């Protein structure tokens, strides 16, 4: 062990799969169950800054869950974070200013291309936002309650899986479902190989 960093976890949280990411060669971004993202110096673990992303509301502990369970995505100086409590937050890291906040609850990481951010919600909607302004471009609700995976973006399509074992291909411009195939097992998470058409 070279260094450790401790956080104050809430008494109740969602078990997720968020992992740290590198912001640059010296800075790691750590998402935590208390609804914060922390920037740490990777050489010694010293905190550089911290920001609350998730805003919990409600009377019960379940209502106040504020976990960040999706790995943040960093593309072209823009950092995108989704939260269980209902926010998609985008930061312009060149200025460290908030770019936009959209009301969307998710446990899955977003996918990003040159123009849009794609997200799957807790109830199974697939949504595309302008990646700079946060304006909603389209939303598909025909896959609700199928336990969607994170989205993956290709040159022409957005692909999501579901707990029934289906892969759904959606047109990036309209959100229309243009293809579907079935696997032999449920699909909880998708990854793509760099410089490859394989998923």
C-alpha atoms as a PDB file:
ATOM      1  CA  UNK A   1       0.000   0.000   0.000  1.00  0.00           C
ATOM      2  CA  UNK A   2       1.438   3.364  -1.038  1.00  0.00           C
ATOM      3  CA  UNK A   3      -1.367   5.548   0.328  1.00  0.00           C
ATOM      4  CA  UNK A   4      -5.003   5.388   1.435  1.00  0.00           C
ATOM      5  CA  UNK A   5      -7.926   7.791   1.222  1.00  0.00           C
ATOM      6  CA  UNK A   6     -10.950   7.402   3.480  1.00  0.00           C
ATOM      7  CA  UNK A   7     -14.468   8.778   3.019  1.00  0.00           C
ATOM      8  CA  UNK A   8     -17.542   9.019   5.224  1.00  0.00           C
ATOM      9  CA  UNK A   9     -19.983   6.482   3.840  1.00  0.00           C
ATOM     10  CA  UNK A  10     -23.707   6.725   4.634  1.00  0.00           C
ATOM     11  CA  UNK A  11     -25.347   4.015   6.735  1.00  0.00           C
ATOM     12  CA  UNK A  12     -27.267   2.786   3.667  1.00  0.00           C
ATOM     13  CA  UNK A  13     -25.946   2.719   0.128  1.00  0.00           C
ATOM     14  CA  UNK A  14     -26.355   0.928  -3.185  1.00  0.00           C
ATOM     15  CA  UNK A  15     -23.681  -1.601  -4.087  1.00  0.00           C
ATOM     16  CA  UNK A  16     -22.348  -0.348  -7.398  1.00  0.00           C
ATOM     17  CA  UNK A  17     -19.349  -0.744  -9.645  1.00  0.00           C
ATOM     18  CA  UNK A  18     -17.940   2.775  -9.921  1.00  0.00           C
ATOM     19  CA  UNK A  19     -14.166   2.847 -10.316  1.00  0.00           C
ATOM     20  CA  UNK A  20     -11.652   5.706 -10.151  1.00  0.00           C
ATOM     21  CA  UNK A  21     -10.520   7.313 -13.402  1.00  0.00           C
ATOM     22  CA  UNK A  22      -7.502   9.413 -14.334  1.00  0.00           C
ATOM     23  CA  UNK A  23      -8.193  13.063 -15.054  1.00  0.00           C
ATOM     24  CA  UNK A  24      -4.584  13.617 -16.128  1.00  0.00           C
ATOM     25  CA  UNK A  25      -1.168  12.154 -15.358  1.00  0.00           C
ATOM     26  CA  UNK A  26      -1.272  13.457 -11.788  1.00  0.00           C
ATOM     27  CA  UNK A  27      -4.956  13.449 -10.806  1.00  0.00           C
ATOM     28  CA  UNK A  28      -7.436  10.657 -10.068  1.00  0.00           C
ATOM     29  CA  UNK A  29     -11.196  11.171  -9.772  1.00  0.00           C
ATOM     30  CA  UNK A  30     -12.845   9.070  -7.042  1.00  0.00           C
ATOM     31  CA  UNK A  31     -16.669   8.725  -6.920  1.00  0.00           C
ATOM     32  CA  UNK A  32     -18.084   7.812  -3.507  1.00  0.00           C
ATOM     33  CA  UNK A  33     -21.312   6.597  -1.905  1.00  0.00           C
ATOM     34  CA  UNK A  34     -21.875   9.935  -0.169  1.00  0.00           C
ATOM     35  CA  UNK A  35     -22.606  11.604  -3.508  1.00  0.00           C
ATOM     36  CA  UNK A  36     -19.242  13.305  -3.971  1.00  0.00           C
ATOM     37  CA  UNK A  37     -16.400  13.185  -6.440  1.00  0.00           C
ATOM     38  CA  UNK A  38     -12.893  13.678  -5.056  1.00  0.00           C
ATOM     39  CA  UNK A  39      -9.772  14.664  -6.962  1.00  0.00           C
ATOM     40  CA  UNK A  40      -6.620  13.135  -5.500  1.00  0.00           C
ATOM     41  CA  UNK A  41      -2.927  13.455  -6.235  1.00  0.00           C
ATOM     42  CA  UNK A  42      -1.981   9.972  -7.471  1.00  0.00           C
ATOM     43  CA  UNK A  43       1.559  10.213  -6.091  1.00  0.00           C
ATOM     44  CA  UNK A  44       0.632  10.663  -2.436  1.00  0.00           C
ATOM     45  CA  UNK A  45      -3.171  10.484  -2.210  1.00  0.00           C
ATOM     46  CA  UNK A  46      -3.548  14.057  -1.000  1.00  0.00           C
ATOM     47  CA  UNK A  47      -6.968  15.599  -1.770  1.00  0.00           C
ATOM     48  CA  UNK A  48      -6.929  18.371  -4.351  1.00  0.00           C
ATOM     49  CA  UNK A  49     -10.625  19.231  -4.357  1.00  0.00           C
ATOM     50  CA  UNK A  50     -14.009  17.685  -3.639  1.00  0.00           C
ATOM     51  CA  UNK A  51     -17.469  18.433  -4.977  1.00  0.00           C
ATOM     52  CA  UNK A  52     -20.925  17.175  -4.081  1.00  0.00           C
ATOM     53  CA  UNK A  53     -22.705  15.908  -7.177  1.00  0.00           C
ATOM     54  CA  UNK A  54     -25.711  13.971  -5.874  1.00  0.00           C
ATOM     55  CA  UNK A  55     -28.493  15.810  -4.038  1.00  0.00           C
ATOM     56  CA  UNK A  56     -30.615  13.522  -1.878  1.00  0.00           C
ATOM     57  CA  UNK A  57     -34.115  14.416  -0.705  1.00  0.00           C
ATOM     58  CA  UNK A  58     -36.783  12.611   1.266  1.00  0.00           C
ATOM     59  CA  UNK A  59     -37.699  11.452   4.735  1.00  0.00           C
ATOM     60  CA  UNK A  60     -36.420   7.865   4.705  1.00  0.00           C
ATOM     61  CA  UNK A  61     -32.902   6.509   4.288  1.00  0.00           C
ATOM     62  CA  UNK A  62     -33.914   4.919   0.992  1.00  0.00           C
ATOM     63  CA  UNK A  63     -35.250   8.251  -0.292  1.00  0.00           C
ATOM     64  CA  UNK A  64     -31.945   9.897   0.681  1.00  0.00           C
ATOM     65  CA  UNK A  65     -29.689   7.457  -1.182  1.00  0.00           C
ATOM     66  CA  UNK A  66     -27.145   9.594  -3.017  1.00  0.00           C
ATOM     67  CA  UNK A  67     -24.674   7.054  -4.372  1.00  0.00           C
ATOM     68  CA  UNK A  68     -22.508   7.542  -7.409  1.00  0.00           C
ATOM     69  CA  UNK A  69     -22.396   3.961  -8.659  1.00  0.00           C
ATOM     70  CA  UNK A  70     -21.466   4.589 -12.282  1.00  0.00           C
ATOM     71  CA  UNK A  71     -17.880   5.219 -13.284  1.00  0.00           C
ATOM     72  CA  UNK A  72     -17.516   8.869 -14.379  1.00  0.00           C
ATOM     73  CA  UNK A  73     -16.676   9.495 -18.034  1.00  0.00           C
ATOM     74  CA  UNK A  74     -14.056  12.079 -19.045  1.00  0.00           C
ATOM     75  CA  UNK A  75     -13.951  13.200 -22.689  1.00  0.00           C
ATOM     76  CA  UNK A  76     -12.305  16.320 -24.150  1.00  0.00           C
ATOM     77  CA  UNK A  77     -12.129  18.161 -20.797  1.00  0.00           C
ATOM     78  CA  UNK A  78     -15.771  17.331 -20.025  1.00  0.00           C
ATOM     79  CA  UNK A  79     -16.565  15.128 -17.010  1.00  0.00           C
ATOM     80  CA  UNK A  80     -19.945  13.356 -16.916  1.00  0.00           C
ATOM     81  CA  UNK A  81     -21.322  11.801 -13.715  1.00  0.00           C
ATOM     82  CA  UNK A  82     -24.659  10.030 -13.127  1.00  0.00           C
ATOM     83  CA  UNK A  83     -26.186   9.501  -9.687  1.00  0.00           C
ATOM     84  CA  UNK A  84     -28.742   7.205  -8.119  1.00  0.00           C
ATOM     85  CA  UNK A  85     -30.674  10.133  -6.662  1.00  0.00           C
ATOM     86  CA  UNK A  86     -31.448  11.568 -10.075  1.00  0.00           C
ATOM     87  CA  UNK A  87     -28.793  13.754 -11.666  1.00  0.00           C
ATOM     88  CA  UNK A  88     -26.650  13.689 -14.778  1.00  0.00           C
ATOM     89  CA  UNK A  89     -23.995  16.299 -14.075  1.00  0.00           C
ATOM     90  CA  UNK A  90     -21.502  17.668 -16.601  1.00  0.00           C
ATOM     91  CA  UNK A  91     -18.420  19.670 -15.640  1.00  0.00           C
ATOM     92  CA  UNK A  92     -16.123  21.633 -17.918  1.00  0.00           C
ATOM     93  CA  UNK A  93     -12.823  20.681 -16.279  1.00  0.00           C
ATOM     94  CA  UNK A  94     -10.802  23.281 -18.188  1.00  0.00           C
ATOM     95  CA  UNK A  95     -12.609  25.966 -16.177  1.00  0.00           C
ATOM     96  CA  UNK A  96     -13.926  23.680 -13.367  1.00  0.00           C
ATOM     97  CA  UNK A  97     -17.374  25.115 -14.010  1.00  0.00           C
ATOM     98  CA  UNK A  98     -20.687  23.283 -14.032  1.00  0.00           C
ATOM     99  CA  UNK A  99     -21.858  22.867 -17.631  1.00  0.00           C
ATOM    100  CA  UNK A 100     -25.330  21.430 -16.954  1.00  0.00           C
ATOM    101  CA  UNK A 101     -27.442  19.251 -14.665  1.00  0.00           C
ATOM    102  CA  UNK A 102     -30.243  17.034 -15.971  1.00  0.00           C
ATOM    103  CA  UNK A 103     -32.785  15.099 -13.911  1.00  0.00           C
ATOM    104  CA  UNK A 104     -32.016  11.466 -14.618  1.00  0.00           C
ATOM    105  CA  UNK A 105     -31.439   8.588 -12.185  1.00  0.00           C
ATOM    106  CA  UNK A 106     -29.000   5.879 -13.202  1.00  0.00           C
ATOM    107  CA  UNK A 107     -26.571   3.281 -11.887  1.00  0.00           C
ATOM    108  CA  UNK A 108     -24.859   3.003 -15.279  1.00  0.00           C
ATOM    109  CA  UNK A 109     -22.111   5.003 -16.924  1.00  0.00           C
ATOM    110  CA  UNK A 110     -22.981   7.173 -19.908  1.00  0.00           C
ATOM    111  CA  UNK A 111     -21.612   6.867 -23.438  1.00  0.00           C
ATOM    112  CA  UNK A 112     -20.262   9.929 -25.238  1.00  0.00           C
ATOM    113  CA  UNK A 113     -19.503  10.757 -28.866  1.00  0.00           C
ATOM    114  CA  UNK A 114     -18.646  14.023 -30.618  1.00  0.00           C
ATOM    115  CA  UNK A 115     -22.077  15.560 -30.153  1.00  0.00           C
ATOM    116  CA  UNK A 116     -24.191  13.618 -27.660  1.00  0.00           C
ATOM    117  CA  UNK A 117     -24.276  11.953 -24.244  1.00  0.00           C
ATOM    118  CA  UNK A 118     -26.306   8.721 -24.051  1.00  0.00           C
ATOM    119  CA  UNK A 119     -27.741   7.408 -20.786  1.00  0.00           C
ATOM    120  CA  UNK A 120     -29.961   4.577 -19.568  1.00  0.00           C
ATOM    121  CA  UNK A 121     -32.233   5.284 -16.616  1.00  0.00           C
ATOM    122  CA  UNK A 122     -33.259   3.180 -13.631  1.00  0.00           C
ATOM    123  CA  UNK A 123     -36.681   2.559 -15.179  1.00  0.00           C
ATOM    124  CA  UNK A 124     -35.291   1.618 -18.600  1.00  0.00           C
ATOM    125  CA  UNK A 125     -35.439   4.726 -20.774  1.00  0.00           C
ATOM    126  CA  UNK A 126     -32.621   5.545 -23.192  1.00  0.00           C
ATOM    127  CA  UNK A 127     -31.931   9.285 -23.489  1.00  0.00           C
ATOM    128  CA  UNK A 128     -29.638  11.354 -25.713  1.00  0.00           C
ATOM    129  CA  UNK A 129     -28.497  14.825 -24.645  1.00  0.00           C
ATOM    130  CA  UNK A 130     -26.403  17.457 -26.373  1.00  0.00           C
ATOM    131  CA  UNK A 131     -23.045  16.909 -24.688  1.00  0.00           C
ATOM    132  CA  UNK A 132     -22.298  20.605 -24.255  1.00  0.00           C
ATOM    133  CA  UNK A 133     -25.685  22.154 -23.413  1.00  0.00           C
ATOM    134  CA  UNK A 134     -27.576  19.195 -21.905  1.00  0.00           C
ATOM    135  CA  UNK A 135     -30.564  19.758 -24.201  1.00  0.00           C
ATOM    136  CA  UNK A 136     -32.519  16.527 -24.665  1.00  0.00           C
ATOM    137  CA  UNK A 137     -32.424  15.378 -28.290  1.00  0.00           C
ATOM    138  CA  UNK A 138     -34.501  12.207 -27.968  1.00  0.00           C
ATOM    139  CA  UNK A 139     -35.811   9.675 -25.473  1.00  0.00           C
ATOM    140  CA  UNK A 140     -36.906   6.058 -26.009  1.00  0.00           C
ATOM    141  CA  UNK A 141     -39.314   4.517 -23.504  1.00  0.00           C
ATOM    142  CA  UNK A 142     -40.188   1.284 -25.315  1.00  0.00           C
ATOM    143  CA  UNK A 143     -37.480  -0.633 -23.396  1.00  0.00           C
ATOM    144  CA  UNK A 144     -38.737   0.287 -19.934  1.00  0.00           C
ATOM    145  CA  UNK A 145     -38.433  -2.201 -17.075  1.00  0.00           C
ATOM    146  CA  UNK A 146     -36.082  -4.504 -19.005  1.00  0.00           C
ATOM    147  CA  UNK A 147     -33.102  -3.839 -16.697  1.00  0.00           C
ATOM    148  CA  UNK A 148     -30.955  -2.028 -19.251  1.00  0.00           C
ATOM    149  CA  UNK A 149     -27.177  -2.098 -19.292  1.00  0.00           C
ATOM    150  CA  UNK A 150     -24.963   0.911 -19.855  1.00  0.00           C
ATOM    151  CA  UNK A 151     -25.062   2.225 -23.439  1.00  0.00           C
ATOM    152  CA  UNK A 152     -22.208   1.745 -25.910  1.00  0.00           C
ATOM    153  CA  UNK A 153     -21.820   4.036 -28.902  1.00  0.00           C
ATOM    154  CA  UNK A 154     -20.516   2.993 -32.329  1.00  0.00           C
ATOM    155  CA  UNK A 155     -20.102   5.013 -35.508  1.00  0.00           C
ATOM    156  CA  UNK A 156     -23.813   4.843 -36.343  1.00  0.00           C
ATOM    157  CA  UNK A 157     -25.623   3.276 -33.416  1.00  0.00           C
ATOM    158  CA  UNK A 158     -26.197   3.248 -29.688  1.00  0.00           C
ATOM    159  CA  UNK A 159     -26.297  -0.282 -28.278  1.00  0.00           C
ATOM    160  CA  UNK A 160     -27.849  -1.355 -24.970  1.00  0.00           C
ATOM    161  CA  UNK A 161     -28.385  -4.793 -23.451  1.00  0.00           C
ATOM    162  CA  UNK A 162     -31.086  -6.013 -21.074  1.00  0.00           C
ATOM    163  CA  UNK A 163     -31.681  -8.632 -18.395  1.00  0.00           C
ATOM    164  CA  UNK A 164     -33.597 -10.792 -20.901  1.00  0.00           C
ATOM    165  CA  UNK A 165     -30.427 -11.222 -22.932  1.00  0.00           C
ATOM    166  CA  UNK A 166     -31.255  -8.928 -25.835  1.00  0.00           C
ATOM    167  CA  UNK A 167     -28.976  -6.390 -27.516  1.00  0.00           C
ATOM    168  CA  UNK A 168     -30.829  -3.398 -28.950  1.00  0.00           C
ATOM    169  CA  UNK A 169     -29.314  -1.140 -31.624  1.00  0.00           C
ATOM    170  CA  UNK A 170     -30.694   2.398 -31.779  1.00  0.00           C
ATOM    171  CA  UNK A 171     -30.141   5.030 -34.442  1.00  0.00           C
ATOM    172  CA  UNK A 172     -27.949   7.769 -32.940  1.00  0.00           C
ATOM    173  CA  UNK A 173     -29.871  10.593 -34.580  1.00  0.00           C
ATOM    174  CA  UNK A 174     -33.441   9.559 -33.816  1.00  0.00           C
ATOM    175  CA  UNK A 175     -33.300   6.870 -31.124  1.00  0.00           C
ATOM    176  CA  UNK A 176     -35.322   4.525 -33.323  1.00  0.00           C
ATOM    177  CA  UNK A 177     -34.637   0.845 -32.642  1.00  0.00           C
ATOM    178  CA  UNK A 178     -33.148  -0.522 -35.863  1.00  0.00           C
ATOM    179  CA  UNK A 179     -31.897  -3.948 -34.785  1.00  0.00           C
ATOM    180  CA  UNK A 180     -32.121  -6.585 -32.081  1.00  0.00           C
ATOM    181  CA  UNK A 181     -30.270  -9.814 -31.293  1.00  0.00           C
ATOM    182  CA  UNK A 182     -30.420 -12.264 -28.398  1.00  0.00           C
ATOM    183  CA  UNK A 183     -27.627 -13.800 -26.354  1.00  0.00           C
ATOM    184  CA  UNK A 184     -27.747 -16.812 -24.050  1.00  0.00           C
ATOM    185  CA  UNK A 185     -27.512 -14.828 -20.812  1.00  0.00           C
ATOM    186  CA  UNK A 186     -28.648 -11.561 -19.261  1.00  0.00           C
ATOM    187  CA  UNK A 187     -26.619  -8.475 -20.178  1.00  0.00           C
ATOM    188  CA  UNK A 188     -25.769  -6.209 -17.271  1.00  0.00           C
ATOM    189  CA  UNK A 189     -22.760  -4.340 -18.669  1.00  0.00           C
ATOM    190  CA  UNK A 190     -21.280  -3.700 -22.104  1.00  0.00           C
ATOM    191  CA  UNK A 191     -17.730  -2.881 -23.141  1.00  0.00           C
ATOM    192  CA  UNK A 192     -16.326  -2.129 -26.564  1.00  0.00           C
ATOM    193  CA  UNK A 193     -12.878  -2.861 -27.901  1.00  0.00           C
ATOM    194  CA  UNK A 194     -10.985   0.254 -29.020  1.00  0.00           C
ATOM    195  CA  UNK A 195     -10.641   0.566 -32.814  1.00  0.00           C
ATOM    196  CA  UNK A 196     -12.960  -2.383 -33.256  1.00  0.00           C
ATOM    197  CA  UNK A 197     -16.573  -2.940 -34.287  1.00  0.00           C
ATOM    198  CA  UNK A 198     -16.908  -5.765 -31.763  1.00  0.00           C
ATOM    199  CA  UNK A 199     -19.013  -5.347 -28.577  1.00  0.00           C
END
